[in-house]
Amino acid sequence: MLKSDLKPATRKWAIALIILNLLRIGTPFIAYFQAQYQIVTPLIPRTIVLDIIEPYMITGLVSLFLTVLAFMFFVYSKYTFSIITGLLNLGSAQLHIMYLHYYG
Protein backbone atom coordinates (compact mmCIF):
# COMPACT_ATOMS: atom_id res chain seq x y z
CA MET A 1 0.00 0.00 0.00
CA LEU A 2 1.19 3.42 -0.83
CA LYS A 3 1.16 6.22 1.67
CA SER A 4 -1.48 8.06 -0.37
CA ASP A 5 -3.82 5.03 -0.09
CA LEU A 6 -3.80 5.23 3.70
CA LYS A 7 -4.72 8.90 3.93
CA PRO A 8 -8.49 8.59 3.20
CA ALA A 9 -8.81 5.71 5.65
CA THR A 10 -6.99 7.53 8.43
CA ARG A 11 -9.05 10.64 7.73
CA LYS A 12 -12.27 8.64 8.17
CA TRP A 13 -11.03 7.11 11.42
CA ALA A 14 -10.02 10.53 12.71
CA ILE A 15 -13.47 11.94 11.93
CA ALA A 16 -15.18 8.98 13.61
CA LEU A 17 -13.08 9.33 16.75
CA ILE A 18 -13.65 13.07 16.96
CA ILE A 19 -17.41 12.49 16.72
CA LEU A 20 -17.25 9.77 19.40
CA ASN A 21 -15.24 12.06 21.65
CA LEU A 22 -17.72 14.90 21.16
CA LEU A 23 -20.52 12.57 22.22
CA ARG A 24 -18.43 11.42 25.18
CA ILE A 25 -17.84 14.99 26.34
CA GLY A 26 -21.55 15.69 26.74
CA THR A 27 -22.31 12.96 29.25
CA PRO A 28 -20.76 14.49 32.42
CA PHE A 29 -22.33 17.86 31.72
CA ILE A 30 -25.73 16.33 31.03
CA ALA A 31 -25.45 14.32 34.26
CA TYR A 32 -24.64 17.49 36.18
CA PHE A 33 -27.67 19.39 34.89
CA GLN A 34 -29.90 16.37 35.32
CA ALA A 35 -28.82 16.03 38.97
CA GLN A 36 -29.42 19.75 39.50
CA TYR A 37 -32.99 19.48 38.28
CA GLN A 38 -33.83 16.17 39.94
CA ILE A 39 -32.59 16.97 43.42
CA VAL A 40 -34.80 19.85 44.46
CA THR A 41 -35.40 18.86 48.06
CA PRO A 42 -34.00 21.16 50.76
CA LEU A 43 -32.90 18.10 52.75
CA ILE A 44 -30.02 17.38 50.34
CA PRO A 45 -27.49 20.22 50.27
CA ARG A 46 -26.17 21.45 46.95
CA THR A 47 -22.60 20.71 48.04
CA ILE A 48 -23.32 16.98 48.17
CA VAL A 49 -24.46 17.04 44.56
CA LEU A 50 -21.32 18.95 43.59
CA ASP A 51 -19.12 16.50 45.50
CA ILE A 52 -20.69 13.58 43.66
CA ILE A 53 -20.50 15.15 40.20
CA GLU A 54 -17.08 16.86 40.54
CA PRO A 55 -14.85 13.93 39.43
CA TYR A 56 -16.99 13.39 36.36
CA MET A 57 -16.82 17.08 35.50
CA ILE A 58 -13.02 16.96 35.72
CA THR A 59 -13.04 13.95 33.38
CA GLY A 60 -15.28 15.91 31.01
CA LEU A 61 -12.94 18.91 31.00
CA VAL A 62 -9.88 16.74 30.31
CA SER A 63 -11.82 15.01 27.52
CA LEU A 64 -12.76 18.41 26.13
CA PHE A 65 -9.10 19.46 26.04
CA LEU A 66 -8.01 16.24 24.33
CA THR A 67 -10.83 16.48 21.80
CA VAL A 68 -9.82 20.03 20.91
CA LEU A 69 -6.25 18.80 20.53
CA ALA A 70 -7.39 15.94 18.27
CA PHE A 71 -9.45 18.39 16.22
CA MET A 72 -6.44 20.69 15.84
CA PHE A 73 -4.37 17.76 14.59
CA PHE A 74 -7.18 16.95 12.16
CA VAL A 75 -7.33 20.52 10.84
CA TYR A 76 -3.59 20.49 10.18
CA SER A 77 -3.90 17.12 8.35
CA LYS A 78 -2.07 15.14 11.03
CA TYR A 79 -4.62 12.33 10.94
CA THR A 80 -2.46 9.76 12.70
CA PHE A 81 -1.89 12.07 15.67
CA SER A 82 -5.59 12.84 15.69
CA ILE A 83 -6.41 9.13 15.87
CA ILE A 84 -3.88 8.55 18.66
CA THR A 85 -5.21 11.50 20.65
CA GLY A 86 -8.80 10.36 20.12
CA LEU A 87 -8.06 6.82 21.27
CA LEU A 88 -6.10 8.11 24.24
CA ASN A 89 -9.04 10.34 25.14
CA LEU A 90 -11.58 7.52 25.02
CA GLY A 91 -9.35 5.11 26.89
CA SER A 92 -8.26 7.50 29.63
CA ALA A 93 -11.80 8.72 30.27
CA GLN A 94 -13.08 5.17 30.55
CA LEU A 95 -10.24 4.16 32.89
CA HIS A 96 -10.87 7.18 35.09
CA ILE A 97 -14.58 6.39 35.35
CA MET A 98 -13.79 2.75 36.21
CA TYR A 99 -11.29 3.89 38.85
CA LEU A 100 -13.86 6.22 40.41
CA HIS A 101 -16.46 3.47 40.39
CA TYR A 102 -14.30 0.91 42.17
CA TYR A 103 -12.02 3.03 44.38
CA GLY A 104 -13.69 6.45 44.58
PDB file of N, CA and C in Angstrom:
ATOM      1  N   MET A   1       0.831  -1.182   0.000  1.00  0.00           N
ATOM      2  CA  MET A   1       0.000   0.000   0.000  1.00  0.00           C
ATOM      3  C   MET A   1       0.873   1.242   0.000  1.00  0.00           C
ATOM      4  N   LEU A   2       0.491   2.160  -0.800  1.00  0.00           N
ATOM      5  CA  LEU A   2       1.190   3.424  -0.832  1.00  0.00           C
ATOM      6  C   LEU A   2       0.700   4.325   0.299  1.00  0.00           C
ATOM      7  N   LYS A   3       1.517   5.301   0.603  1.00  0.00           N
ATOM      8  CA  LYS A   3       1.158   6.221   1.671  1.00  0.00           C
ATOM      9  C   LYS A   3      -0.105   7.007   1.327  1.00  0.00           C
ATOM     10  N   SER A   4      -0.299   7.304   0.038  1.00  0.00           N
ATOM     11  CA  SER A   4      -1.480   8.056  -0.370  1.00  0.00           C
ATOM     12  C   SER A   4      -2.755   7.233  -0.236  1.00  0.00           C
ATOM     13  N   ASP A   5      -2.646   5.892  -0.268  1.00  0.00           N
ATOM     14  CA  ASP A   5      -3.815   5.031  -0.091  1.00  0.00           C
ATOM     15  C   ASP A   5      -4.310   5.032   1.349  1.00  0.00           C
ATOM     16  N   LEU A   6      -3.424   5.247   2.293  1.00  0.00           N
ATOM     17  CA  LEU A   6      -3.800   5.227   3.697  1.00  0.00           C
ATOM     18  C   LEU A   6      -4.459   6.523   4.156  1.00  0.00           C
ATOM     19  N   LYS A   7      -4.230   7.614   3.472  1.00  0.00           N
ATOM     20  CA  LYS A   7      -4.716   8.904   3.930  1.00  0.00           C
ATOM     21  C   LYS A   7      -6.242   8.979   4.030  1.00  0.00           C
ATOM     22  N   PRO A   8      -7.024   8.520   3.035  1.00  0.00           N
ATOM     23  CA  PRO A   8      -8.486   8.589   3.196  1.00  0.00           C
ATOM     24  C   PRO A   8      -8.999   7.723   4.351  1.00  0.00           C
ATOM     25  N   ALA A   9      -8.371   6.579   4.553  1.00  0.00           N
ATOM     26  CA  ALA A   9      -8.807   5.705   5.645  1.00  0.00           C
ATOM     27  C   ALA A   9      -8.506   6.338   7.003  1.00  0.00           C
ATOM     28  N   THR A  10      -7.317   6.895   7.160  1.00  0.00           N
ATOM     29  CA  THR A  10      -6.986   7.534   8.433  1.00  0.00           C
ATOM     30  C   THR A  10      -7.833   8.780   8.661  1.00  0.00           C
ATOM     31  N   ARG A  11      -8.188   9.454   7.590  1.00  0.00           N
ATOM     32  CA  ARG A  11      -9.054  10.635   7.725  1.00  0.00           C
ATOM     33  C   ARG A  11     -10.432  10.222   8.234  1.00  0.00           C
ATOM     34  N   LYS A  12     -10.964   9.119   7.721  1.00  0.00           N
ATOM     35  CA  LYS A  12     -12.274   8.638   8.173  1.00  0.00           C
ATOM     36  C   LYS A  12     -12.231   8.205   9.635  1.00  0.00           C
ATOM     37  N   TRP A  13     -11.163   7.517  10.027  1.00  0.00           N
ATOM     38  CA  TRP A  13     -11.030   7.108  11.422  1.00  0.00           C
ATOM     39  C   TRP A  13     -10.903   8.322  12.345  1.00  0.00           C
ATOM     40  N   ALA A  14     -10.171   9.328  11.901  1.00  0.00           N
ATOM     41  CA  ALA A  14     -10.019  10.533  12.711  1.00  0.00           C
ATOM     42  C   ALA A  14     -11.360  11.232  12.896  1.00  0.00           C
ATOM     43  N   ILE A  15     -12.142  11.320  11.824  1.00  0.00           N
ATOM     44  CA  ILE A  15     -13.468  11.943  11.926  1.00  0.00           C
ATOM     45  C   ILE A  15     -14.357  11.146  12.877  1.00  0.00           C
ATOM     46  N   ALA A  16     -14.343   9.824  12.746  1.00  0.00           N
ATOM     47  CA  ALA A  16     -15.177   8.982  13.606  1.00  0.00           C
ATOM     48  C   ALA A  16     -14.804   9.140  15.074  1.00  0.00           C
ATOM     49  N   LEU A  17     -13.505   9.187  15.360  1.00  0.00           N
ATOM     50  CA  LEU A  17     -13.080   9.331  16.753  1.00  0.00           C
ATOM     51  C   LEU A  17     -13.399  10.712  17.304  1.00  0.00           C
ATOM     52  N   ILE A  18     -13.292  11.734  16.487  1.00  0.00           N
ATOM     53  CA  ILE A  18     -13.652  13.071  16.956  1.00  0.00           C
ATOM     54  C   ILE A  18     -15.143  13.126  17.285  1.00  0.00           C
ATOM     55  N   ILE A  19     -15.972  12.519  16.450  1.00  0.00           N
ATOM     56  CA  ILE A  19     -17.414  12.495  16.723  1.00  0.00           C
ATOM     57  C   ILE A  19     -17.711  11.701  17.996  1.00  0.00           C
ATOM     58  N   LEU A  20     -17.057  10.555  18.174  1.00  0.00           N
ATOM     59  CA  LEU A  20     -17.249   9.774  19.399  1.00  0.00           C
ATOM     60  C   LEU A  20     -16.825  10.563  20.637  1.00  0.00           C
ATOM     61  N   ASN A  21     -15.711  11.271  20.523  1.00  0.00           N
ATOM     62  CA  ASN A  21     -15.244  12.061  21.653  1.00  0.00           C
ATOM     63  C   ASN A  21     -16.178  13.218  21.949  1.00  0.00           C
ATOM     64  N   LEU A  22     -16.755  13.829  20.928  1.00  0.00           N
ATOM     65  CA  LEU A  22     -17.720  14.903  21.158  1.00  0.00           C
ATOM     66  C   LEU A  22     -18.957  14.374  21.883  1.00  0.00           C
ATOM     67  N   LEU A  23     -19.394  13.176  21.509  1.00  0.00           N
ATOM     68  CA  LEU A  23     -20.518  12.570  22.219  1.00  0.00           C
ATOM     69  C   LEU A  23     -20.134  12.228  23.655  1.00  0.00           C
ATOM     70  N   ARG A  24     -18.920  11.790  23.841  1.00  0.00           N
ATOM     71  CA  ARG A  24     -18.428  11.417  25.178  1.00  0.00           C
ATOM     72  C   ARG A  24     -18.306  12.628  26.092  1.00  0.00           C
ATOM     73  N   ILE A  25     -18.005  13.784  25.534  1.00  0.00           N
ATOM     74  CA  ILE A  25     -17.845  14.990  26.335  1.00  0.00           C
ATOM     75  C   ILE A  25     -19.174  15.411  26.968  1.00  0.00           C
ATOM     76  N   GLY A  26     -20.254  15.214  26.256  1.00  0.00           N
ATOM     77  CA  GLY A  26     -21.546  15.695  26.738  1.00  0.00           C
ATOM     78  C   GLY A  26     -22.084  14.983  27.956  1.00  0.00           C
ATOM     79  N   THR A  27     -21.697  13.735  28.174  1.00  0.00           N
ATOM     80  CA  THR A  27     -22.306  12.963  29.248  1.00  0.00           C
ATOM     81  C   THR A  27     -22.079  13.515  30.658  1.00  0.00           C
ATOM     82  N   PRO A  28     -20.883  13.956  31.054  1.00  0.00           N
ATOM     83  CA  PRO A  28     -20.763  14.485  32.419  1.00  0.00           C
ATOM     84  C   PRO A  28     -21.555  15.777  32.617  1.00  0.00           C
ATOM     85  N   PHE A  29     -21.611  16.592  31.590  1.00  0.00           N
ATOM     86  CA  PHE A  29     -22.325  17.856  31.723  1.00  0.00           C
ATOM     87  C   PHE A  29     -23.831  17.631  31.762  1.00  0.00           C
ATOM     88  N   ILE A  30     -24.308  16.674  30.982  1.00  0.00           N
ATOM     89  CA  ILE A  30     -25.731  16.326  31.028  1.00  0.00           C
ATOM     90  C   ILE A  30     -26.082  15.741  32.394  1.00  0.00           C
ATOM     91  N   ALA A  31     -25.212  14.900  32.931  1.00  0.00           N
ATOM     92  CA  ALA A  31     -25.449  14.317  34.256  1.00  0.00           C
ATOM     93  C   ALA A  31     -25.501  15.397  35.330  1.00  0.00           C
ATOM     94  N   TYR A  32     -24.652  16.402  35.212  1.00  0.00           N
ATOM     95  CA  TYR A  32     -24.645  17.493  36.184  1.00  0.00           C
ATOM     96  C   TYR A  32     -25.973  18.247  36.157  1.00  0.00           C
ATOM     97  N   PHE A  33     -26.420  18.637  34.975  1.00  0.00           N
ATOM     98  CA  PHE A  33     -27.667  19.391  34.892  1.00  0.00           C
ATOM     99  C   PHE A  33     -28.874  18.534  35.263  1.00  0.00           C
ATOM    100  N   GLN A  34     -28.817  17.263  34.950  1.00  0.00           N
ATOM    101  CA  GLN A  34     -29.896  16.368  35.321  1.00  0.00           C
ATOM    102  C   GLN A  34     -29.968  16.241  36.844  1.00  0.00           C
ATOM    103  N   ALA A  35     -28.833  16.124  37.507  1.00  0.00           N
ATOM    104  CA  ALA A  35     -28.818  16.034  38.970  1.00  0.00           C
ATOM    105  C   ALA A  35     -29.301  17.332  39.593  1.00  0.00           C
ATOM    106  N   GLN A  36     -28.956  18.452  38.988  1.00  0.00           N
ATOM    107  CA  GLN A  36     -29.416  19.750  39.504  1.00  0.00           C
ATOM    108  C   GLN A  36     -30.935  19.844  39.482  1.00  0.00           C
ATOM    109  N   TYR A  37     -31.548  19.371  38.416  1.00  0.00           N
ATOM    110  CA  TYR A  37     -32.994  19.479  38.284  1.00  0.00           C
ATOM    111  C   TYR A  37     -33.750  18.394  39.046  1.00  0.00           C
ATOM    112  N   GLN A  38     -33.140  17.255  39.263  1.00  0.00           N
ATOM    113  CA  GLN A  38     -33.835  16.166  39.936  1.00  0.00           C
ATOM    114  C   GLN A  38     -33.796  16.303  41.452  1.00  0.00           C
ATOM    115  N   ILE A  39     -32.726  16.855  41.966  1.00  0.00           N
ATOM    116  CA  ILE A  39     -32.593  16.972  43.419  1.00  0.00           C
ATOM    117  C   ILE A  39     -33.001  18.387  43.808  1.00  0.00           C
ATOM    118  N   VAL A  40     -34.264  18.532  44.120  1.00  0.00           N
ATOM    119  CA  VAL A  40     -34.795  19.853  44.462  1.00  0.00           C
ATOM    120  C   VAL A  40     -35.239  19.919  45.917  1.00  0.00           C
ATOM    121  N   THR A  41     -34.990  18.876  46.667  1.00  0.00           N
ATOM    122  CA  THR A  41     -35.395  18.860  48.061  1.00  0.00           C
ATOM    123  C   THR A  41     -34.417  19.674  48.911  1.00  0.00           C
ATOM    124  N   PRO A  42     -34.910  20.398  49.886  1.00  0.00           N
ATOM    125  CA  PRO A  42     -33.997  21.161  50.760  1.00  0.00           C
ATOM    126  C   PRO A  42     -33.235  20.272  51.743  1.00  0.00           C
ATOM    127  N   LEU A  43     -33.590  18.996  51.830  1.00  0.00           N
ATOM    128  CA  LEU A  43     -32.896  18.096  52.749  1.00  0.00           C
ATOM    129  C   LEU A  43     -31.514  17.694  52.240  1.00  0.00           C
ATOM    130  N   ILE A  44     -31.309  17.734  50.936  1.00  0.00           N
ATOM    131  CA  ILE A  44     -30.015  17.380  50.342  1.00  0.00           C
ATOM    132  C   ILE A  44     -29.305  18.670  49.954  1.00  0.00           C
ATOM    133  N   PRO A  45     -28.202  18.985  50.611  1.00  0.00           N
ATOM    134  CA  PRO A  45     -27.494  20.224  50.269  1.00  0.00           C
ATOM    135  C   PRO A  45     -26.887  20.171  48.872  1.00  0.00           C
ATOM    136  N   ARG A  46     -26.734  21.333  48.293  1.00  0.00           N
ATOM    137  CA  ARG A  46     -26.171  21.449  46.949  1.00  0.00           C
ATOM    138  C   ARG A  46     -24.711  20.977  46.899  1.00  0.00           C
ATOM    139  N   THR A  47     -24.007  21.111  48.009  1.00  0.00           N
ATOM    140  CA  THR A  47     -22.599  20.709  48.036  1.00  0.00           C
ATOM    141  C   THR A  47     -22.431  19.204  47.868  1.00  0.00           C
ATOM    142  N   ILE A  48     -23.403  18.430  48.331  1.00  0.00           N
ATOM    143  CA  ILE A  48     -23.317  16.977  48.165  1.00  0.00           C
ATOM    144  C   ILE A  48     -23.421  16.617  46.689  1.00  0.00           C
ATOM    145  N   VAL A  49     -24.324  17.284  45.992  1.00  0.00           N
ATOM    146  CA  VAL A  49     -24.461  17.043  44.557  1.00  0.00           C
ATOM    147  C   VAL A  49     -23.159  17.399  43.845  1.00  0.00           C
ATOM    148  N   LEU A  50     -22.568  18.531  44.215  1.00  0.00           N
ATOM    149  CA  LEU A  50     -21.317  18.948  43.590  1.00  0.00           C
ATOM    150  C   LEU A  50     -20.176  17.990  43.925  1.00  0.00           C
ATOM    151  N   ASP A  51     -20.151  17.471  45.142  1.00  0.00           N
ATOM    152  CA  ASP A  51     -19.120  16.500  45.505  1.00  0.00           C
ATOM    153  C   ASP A  51     -19.249  15.205  44.713  1.00  0.00           C
ATOM    154  N   ILE A  52     -20.477  14.804  44.420  1.00  0.00           N
ATOM    155  CA  ILE A  52     -20.694  13.577  43.659  1.00  0.00           C
ATOM    156  C   ILE A  52     -20.321  13.774  42.194  1.00  0.00           C
ATOM    157  N   ILE A  53     -20.671  14.909  41.632  1.00  0.00           N
ATOM    158  CA  ILE A  53     -20.495  15.149  40.202  1.00  0.00           C
ATOM    159  C   ILE A  53     -19.088  15.651  39.860  1.00  0.00           C
ATOM    160  N   GLU A  54     -18.367  16.218  40.815  1.00  0.00           N
ATOM    161  CA  GLU A  54     -17.077  16.862  40.537  1.00  0.00           C
ATOM    162  C   GLU A  54     -16.072  15.980  39.790  1.00  0.00           C
ATOM    163  N   PRO A  55     -15.828  14.732  40.185  1.00  0.00           N
ATOM    164  CA  PRO A  55     -14.851  13.925  39.431  1.00  0.00           C
ATOM    165  C   PRO A  55     -15.245  13.711  37.971  1.00  0.00           C
ATOM    166  N   TYR A  56     -16.534  13.585  37.726  1.00  0.00           N
ATOM    167  CA  TYR A  56     -16.992  13.392  36.358  1.00  0.00           C
ATOM    168  C   TYR A  56     -16.838  14.673  35.545  1.00  0.00           C
ATOM    169  N   MET A  57     -17.010  15.806  36.191  1.00  0.00           N
ATOM    170  CA  MET A  57     -16.817  17.082  35.499  1.00  0.00           C
ATOM    171  C   MET A  57     -15.333  17.266  35.132  1.00  0.00           C
ATOM    172  N   ILE A  58     -14.446  16.872  36.015  1.00  0.00           N
ATOM    173  CA  ILE A  58     -13.017  16.960  35.716  1.00  0.00           C
ATOM    174  C   ILE A  58     -12.676  16.058  34.535  1.00  0.00           C
ATOM    175  N   THR A  59     -13.246  14.853  34.518  1.00  0.00           N
ATOM    176  CA  THR A  59     -13.043  13.954  33.378  1.00  0.00           C
ATOM    177  C   THR A  59     -13.562  14.581  32.099  1.00  0.00           C
ATOM    178  N   GLY A  60     -14.713  15.247  32.183  1.00  0.00           N
ATOM    179  CA  GLY A  60     -15.281  15.907  31.009  1.00  0.00           C
ATOM    180  C   GLY A  60     -14.409  17.043  30.501  1.00  0.00           C
ATOM    181  N   LEU A  61     -13.811  17.808  31.420  1.00  0.00           N
ATOM    182  CA  LEU A  61     -12.939  18.907  31.000  1.00  0.00           C
ATOM    183  C   LEU A  61     -11.650  18.397  30.370  1.00  0.00           C
ATOM    184  N   VAL A  62     -11.089  17.332  30.919  1.00  0.00           N
ATOM    185  CA  VAL A  62      -9.885  16.738  30.314  1.00  0.00           C
ATOM    186  C   VAL A  62     -10.223  16.175  28.938  1.00  0.00           C
ATOM    187  N   SER A  63     -11.386  15.533  28.822  1.00  0.00           N
ATOM    188  CA  SER A  63     -11.816  15.015  27.524  1.00  0.00           C
ATOM    189  C   SER A  63     -12.038  16.138  26.524  1.00  0.00           C
ATOM    190  N   LEU A  64     -12.565  17.256  27.000  1.00  0.00           N
ATOM    191  CA  LEU A  64     -12.758  18.412  26.126  1.00  0.00           C
ATOM    192  C   LEU A  64     -11.420  18.914  25.591  1.00  0.00           C
ATOM    193  N   PHE A  65     -10.421  19.016  26.462  1.00  0.00           N
ATOM    194  CA  PHE A  65      -9.099  19.462  26.041  1.00  0.00           C
ATOM    195  C   PHE A  65      -8.494  18.507  25.009  1.00  0.00           C
ATOM    196  N   LEU A  66      -8.589  17.201  25.268  1.00  0.00           N
ATOM    197  CA  LEU A  66      -8.010  16.238  24.334  1.00  0.00           C
ATOM    198  C   LEU A  66      -8.765  16.198  23.016  1.00  0.00           C
ATOM    199  N   THR A  67     -10.067  16.433  23.045  1.00  0.00           N
ATOM    200  CA  THR A  67     -10.833  16.479  21.798  1.00  0.00           C
ATOM    201  C   THR A  67     -10.463  17.698  20.976  1.00  0.00           C
ATOM    202  N   VAL A  68     -10.270  18.826  21.635  1.00  0.00           N
ATOM    203  CA  VAL A  68      -9.820  20.028  20.913  1.00  0.00           C
ATOM    204  C   VAL A  68      -8.447  19.785  20.307  1.00  0.00           C
ATOM    205  N   LEU A  69      -7.575  19.123  21.044  1.00  0.00           N
ATOM    206  CA  LEU A  69      -6.251  18.801  20.526  1.00  0.00           C
ATOM    207  C   LEU A  69      -6.342  17.859  19.315  1.00  0.00           C
ATOM    208  N   ALA A  70      -7.207  16.853  19.405  1.00  0.00           N
ATOM    209  CA  ALA A  70      -7.395  15.938  18.270  1.00  0.00           C
ATOM    210  C   ALA A  70      -7.964  16.684  17.067  1.00  0.00           C
ATOM    211  N   PHE A  71      -8.882  17.611  17.323  1.00  0.00           N
ATOM    212  CA  PHE A  71      -9.446  18.391  16.220  1.00  0.00           C
ATOM    213  C   PHE A  71      -8.398  19.292  15.586  1.00  0.00           C
ATOM    214  N   MET A  72      -7.503  19.859  16.395  1.00  0.00           N
ATOM    215  CA  MET A  72      -6.437  20.691  15.840  1.00  0.00           C
ATOM    216  C   MET A  72      -5.499  19.853  14.976  1.00  0.00           C
ATOM    217  N   PHE A  73      -5.167  18.649  15.425  1.00  0.00           N
ATOM    218  CA  PHE A  73      -4.367  17.757  14.587  1.00  0.00           C
ATOM    219  C   PHE A  73      -5.083  17.450  13.285  1.00  0.00           C
ATOM    220  N   PHE A  74      -6.397  17.255  13.355  1.00  0.00           N
ATOM    221  CA  PHE A  74      -7.180  16.949  12.156  1.00  0.00           C
ATOM    222  C   PHE A  74      -7.166  18.121  11.186  1.00  0.00           C
ATOM    223  N   VAL A  75      -7.316  19.332  11.703  1.00  0.00           N
ATOM    224  CA  VAL A  75      -7.327  20.519  10.840  1.00  0.00           C
ATOM    225  C   VAL A  75      -6.001  20.677  10.116  1.00  0.00           C
ATOM    226  N   TYR A  76      -4.909  20.362  10.790  1.00  0.00           N
ATOM    227  CA  TYR A  76      -3.589  20.491  10.179  1.00  0.00           C
ATOM    228  C   TYR A  76      -3.151  19.221   9.453  1.00  0.00           C
ATOM    229  N   SER A  77      -4.100  18.349   9.135  1.00  0.00           N
ATOM    230  CA  SER A  77      -3.896  17.122   8.355  1.00  0.00           C
ATOM    231  C   SER A  77      -2.918  16.144   9.006  1.00  0.00           C
ATOM    232  N   LYS A  78      -2.870  16.124  10.296  1.00  0.00           N
ATOM    233  CA  LYS A  78      -2.075  15.137  11.032  1.00  0.00           C
ATOM    234  C   LYS A  78      -3.042  14.070  11.550  1.00  0.00           C
ATOM    235  N   TYR A  79      -3.545  13.262  10.616  1.00  0.00           N
ATOM    236  CA  TYR A  79      -4.617  12.331  10.938  1.00  0.00           C
ATOM    237  C   TYR A  79      -4.173  11.247  11.913  1.00  0.00           C
ATOM    238  N   THR A  80      -2.945  10.805  11.790  1.00  0.00           N
ATOM    239  CA  THR A  80      -2.457   9.762  12.695  1.00  0.00           C
ATOM    240  C   THR A  80      -2.402  10.272  14.128  1.00  0.00           C
ATOM    241  N   PHE A  81      -1.916  11.487  14.328  1.00  0.00           N
ATOM    242  CA  PHE A  81      -1.885  12.071  15.672  1.00  0.00           C
ATOM    243  C   PHE A  81      -3.296  12.309  16.195  1.00  0.00           C
ATOM    244  N   SER A  82      -4.196  12.653  15.298  1.00  0.00           N
ATOM    245  CA  SER A  82      -5.587  12.844  15.690  1.00  0.00           C
ATOM    246  C   SER A  82      -6.197  11.527  16.164  1.00  0.00           C
ATOM    247  N   ILE A  83      -5.900  10.451  15.475  1.00  0.00           N
ATOM    248  CA  ILE A  83      -6.406   9.135  15.875  1.00  0.00           C
ATOM    249  C   ILE A  83      -5.821   8.721  17.224  1.00  0.00           C
ATOM    250  N   ILE A  84      -4.525   8.921  17.399  1.00  0.00           N
ATOM    251  CA  ILE A  84      -3.876   8.552  18.659  1.00  0.00           C
ATOM    252  C   ILE A  84      -4.457   9.357  19.810  1.00  0.00           C
ATOM    253  N   THR A  85      -4.641  10.658  19.603  1.00  0.00           N
ATOM    254  CA  THR A  85      -5.206  11.500  20.654  1.00  0.00           C
ATOM    255  C   THR A  85      -6.651  11.101  20.952  1.00  0.00           C
ATOM    256  N   GLY A  86      -7.420  10.783  19.919  1.00  0.00           N
ATOM    257  CA  GLY A  86      -8.800  10.359  20.123  1.00  0.00           C
ATOM    258  C   GLY A  86      -8.905   9.055  20.891  1.00  0.00           C
ATOM    259  N   LEU A  87      -8.060   8.087  20.546  1.00  0.00           N
ATOM    260  CA  LEU A  87      -8.058   6.816  21.268  1.00  0.00           C
ATOM    261  C   LEU A  87      -7.587   6.996  22.702  1.00  0.00           C
ATOM    262  N   LEU A  88      -6.579   7.822  22.897  1.00  0.00           N
ATOM    263  CA  LEU A  88      -6.104   8.113  24.244  1.00  0.00           C
ATOM    264  C   LEU A  88      -7.200   8.764  25.070  1.00  0.00           C
ATOM    265  N   ASN A  89      -7.943   9.655  24.448  1.00  0.00           N
ATOM    266  CA  ASN A  89      -9.036  10.337  25.137  1.00  0.00           C
ATOM    267  C   ASN A  89     -10.112   9.340  25.571  1.00  0.00           C
ATOM    268  N   LEU A  90     -10.551   8.493  24.666  1.00  0.00           N
ATOM    269  CA  LEU A  90     -11.585   7.520  25.017  1.00  0.00           C
ATOM    270  C   LEU A  90     -11.103   6.548  26.081  1.00  0.00           C
ATOM    271  N   GLY A  91      -9.882   6.076  25.933  1.00  0.00           N
ATOM    272  CA  GLY A  91      -9.349   5.114  26.891  1.00  0.00           C
ATOM    273  C   GLY A  91      -9.123   5.707  28.261  1.00  0.00           C
ATOM    274  N   SER A  92      -8.552   6.896  28.325  1.00  0.00           N
ATOM    275  CA  SER A  92      -8.265   7.501  29.627  1.00  0.00           C
ATOM    276  C   SER A  92      -9.545   7.889  30.354  1.00  0.00           C
ATOM    277  N   ALA A  93     -10.532   8.366  29.628  1.00  0.00           N
ATOM    278  CA  ALA A  93     -11.802   8.725  30.265  1.00  0.00           C
ATOM    279  C   ALA A  93     -12.474   7.479  30.829  1.00  0.00           C
ATOM    280  N   GLN A  94     -12.452   6.400  30.080  1.00  0.00           N
ATOM    281  CA  GLN A  94     -13.083   5.167  30.552  1.00  0.00           C
ATOM    282  C   GLN A  94     -12.341   4.610  31.757  1.00  0.00           C
ATOM    283  N   LEU A  95     -11.010   4.643  31.742  1.00  0.00           N
ATOM    284  CA  LEU A  95     -10.237   4.158  32.887  1.00  0.00           C
ATOM    285  C   LEU A  95     -10.486   5.008  34.127  1.00  0.00           C
ATOM    286  N   HIS A  96     -10.616   6.307  33.946  1.00  0.00           N
ATOM    287  CA  HIS A  96     -10.872   7.185  35.086  1.00  0.00           C
ATOM    288  C   HIS A  96     -12.244   6.907  35.690  1.00  0.00           C
ATOM    289  N   ILE A  97     -13.248   6.699  34.854  1.00  0.00           N
ATOM    290  CA  ILE A  97     -14.580   6.388  35.351  1.00  0.00           C
ATOM    291  C   ILE A  97     -14.578   5.042  36.088  1.00  0.00           C
ATOM    292  N   MET A  98     -13.868   4.047  35.539  1.00  0.00           N
ATOM    293  CA  MET A  98     -13.787   2.748  36.210  1.00  0.00           C
ATOM    294  C   MET A  98     -13.071   2.877  37.545  1.00  0.00           C
ATOM    295  N   TYR A  99     -12.015   3.677  37.591  1.00  0.00           N
ATOM    296  CA  TYR A  99     -11.287   3.888  38.845  1.00  0.00           C
ATOM    297  C   TYR A  99     -12.190   4.544  39.881  1.00  0.00           C
ATOM    298  N   LEU A 100     -12.956   5.547  39.474  1.00  0.00           N
ATOM    299  CA  LEU A 100     -13.862   6.217  40.407  1.00  0.00           C
ATOM    300  C   LEU A 100     -14.943   5.257  40.893  1.00  0.00           C
ATOM    301  N   HIS A 101     -15.397   4.390  40.022  1.00  0.00           N
ATOM    302  CA  HIS A 101     -16.463   3.471  40.391  1.00  0.00           C
ATOM    303  C   HIS A 101     -15.987   2.450  41.437  1.00  0.00           C
ATOM    304  N   TYR A 102     -14.774   1.961  41.274  1.00  0.00           N
ATOM    305  CA  TYR A 102     -14.302   0.911  42.169  1.00  0.00           C
ATOM    306  C   TYR A 102     -13.565   1.437  43.394  1.00  0.00           C
ATOM    307  N   TYR A 103     -12.855   2.557  43.265  1.00  0.00           N
ATOM    308  CA  TYR A 103     -12.024   3.025  44.380  1.00  0.00           C
ATOM    309  C   TYR A 103     -12.435   4.394  44.902  1.00  0.00           C
ATOM    310  N   GLY A 104     -13.341   5.079  44.218  1.00  0.00           N
ATOM    311  CA  GLY A 104     -13.687   6.445  44.584  1.00  0.00           C
ATOM    312  C   GLY A 104     -14.695   6.515  45.644  1.00  0.00           C
TER     313      GLY A 104
END
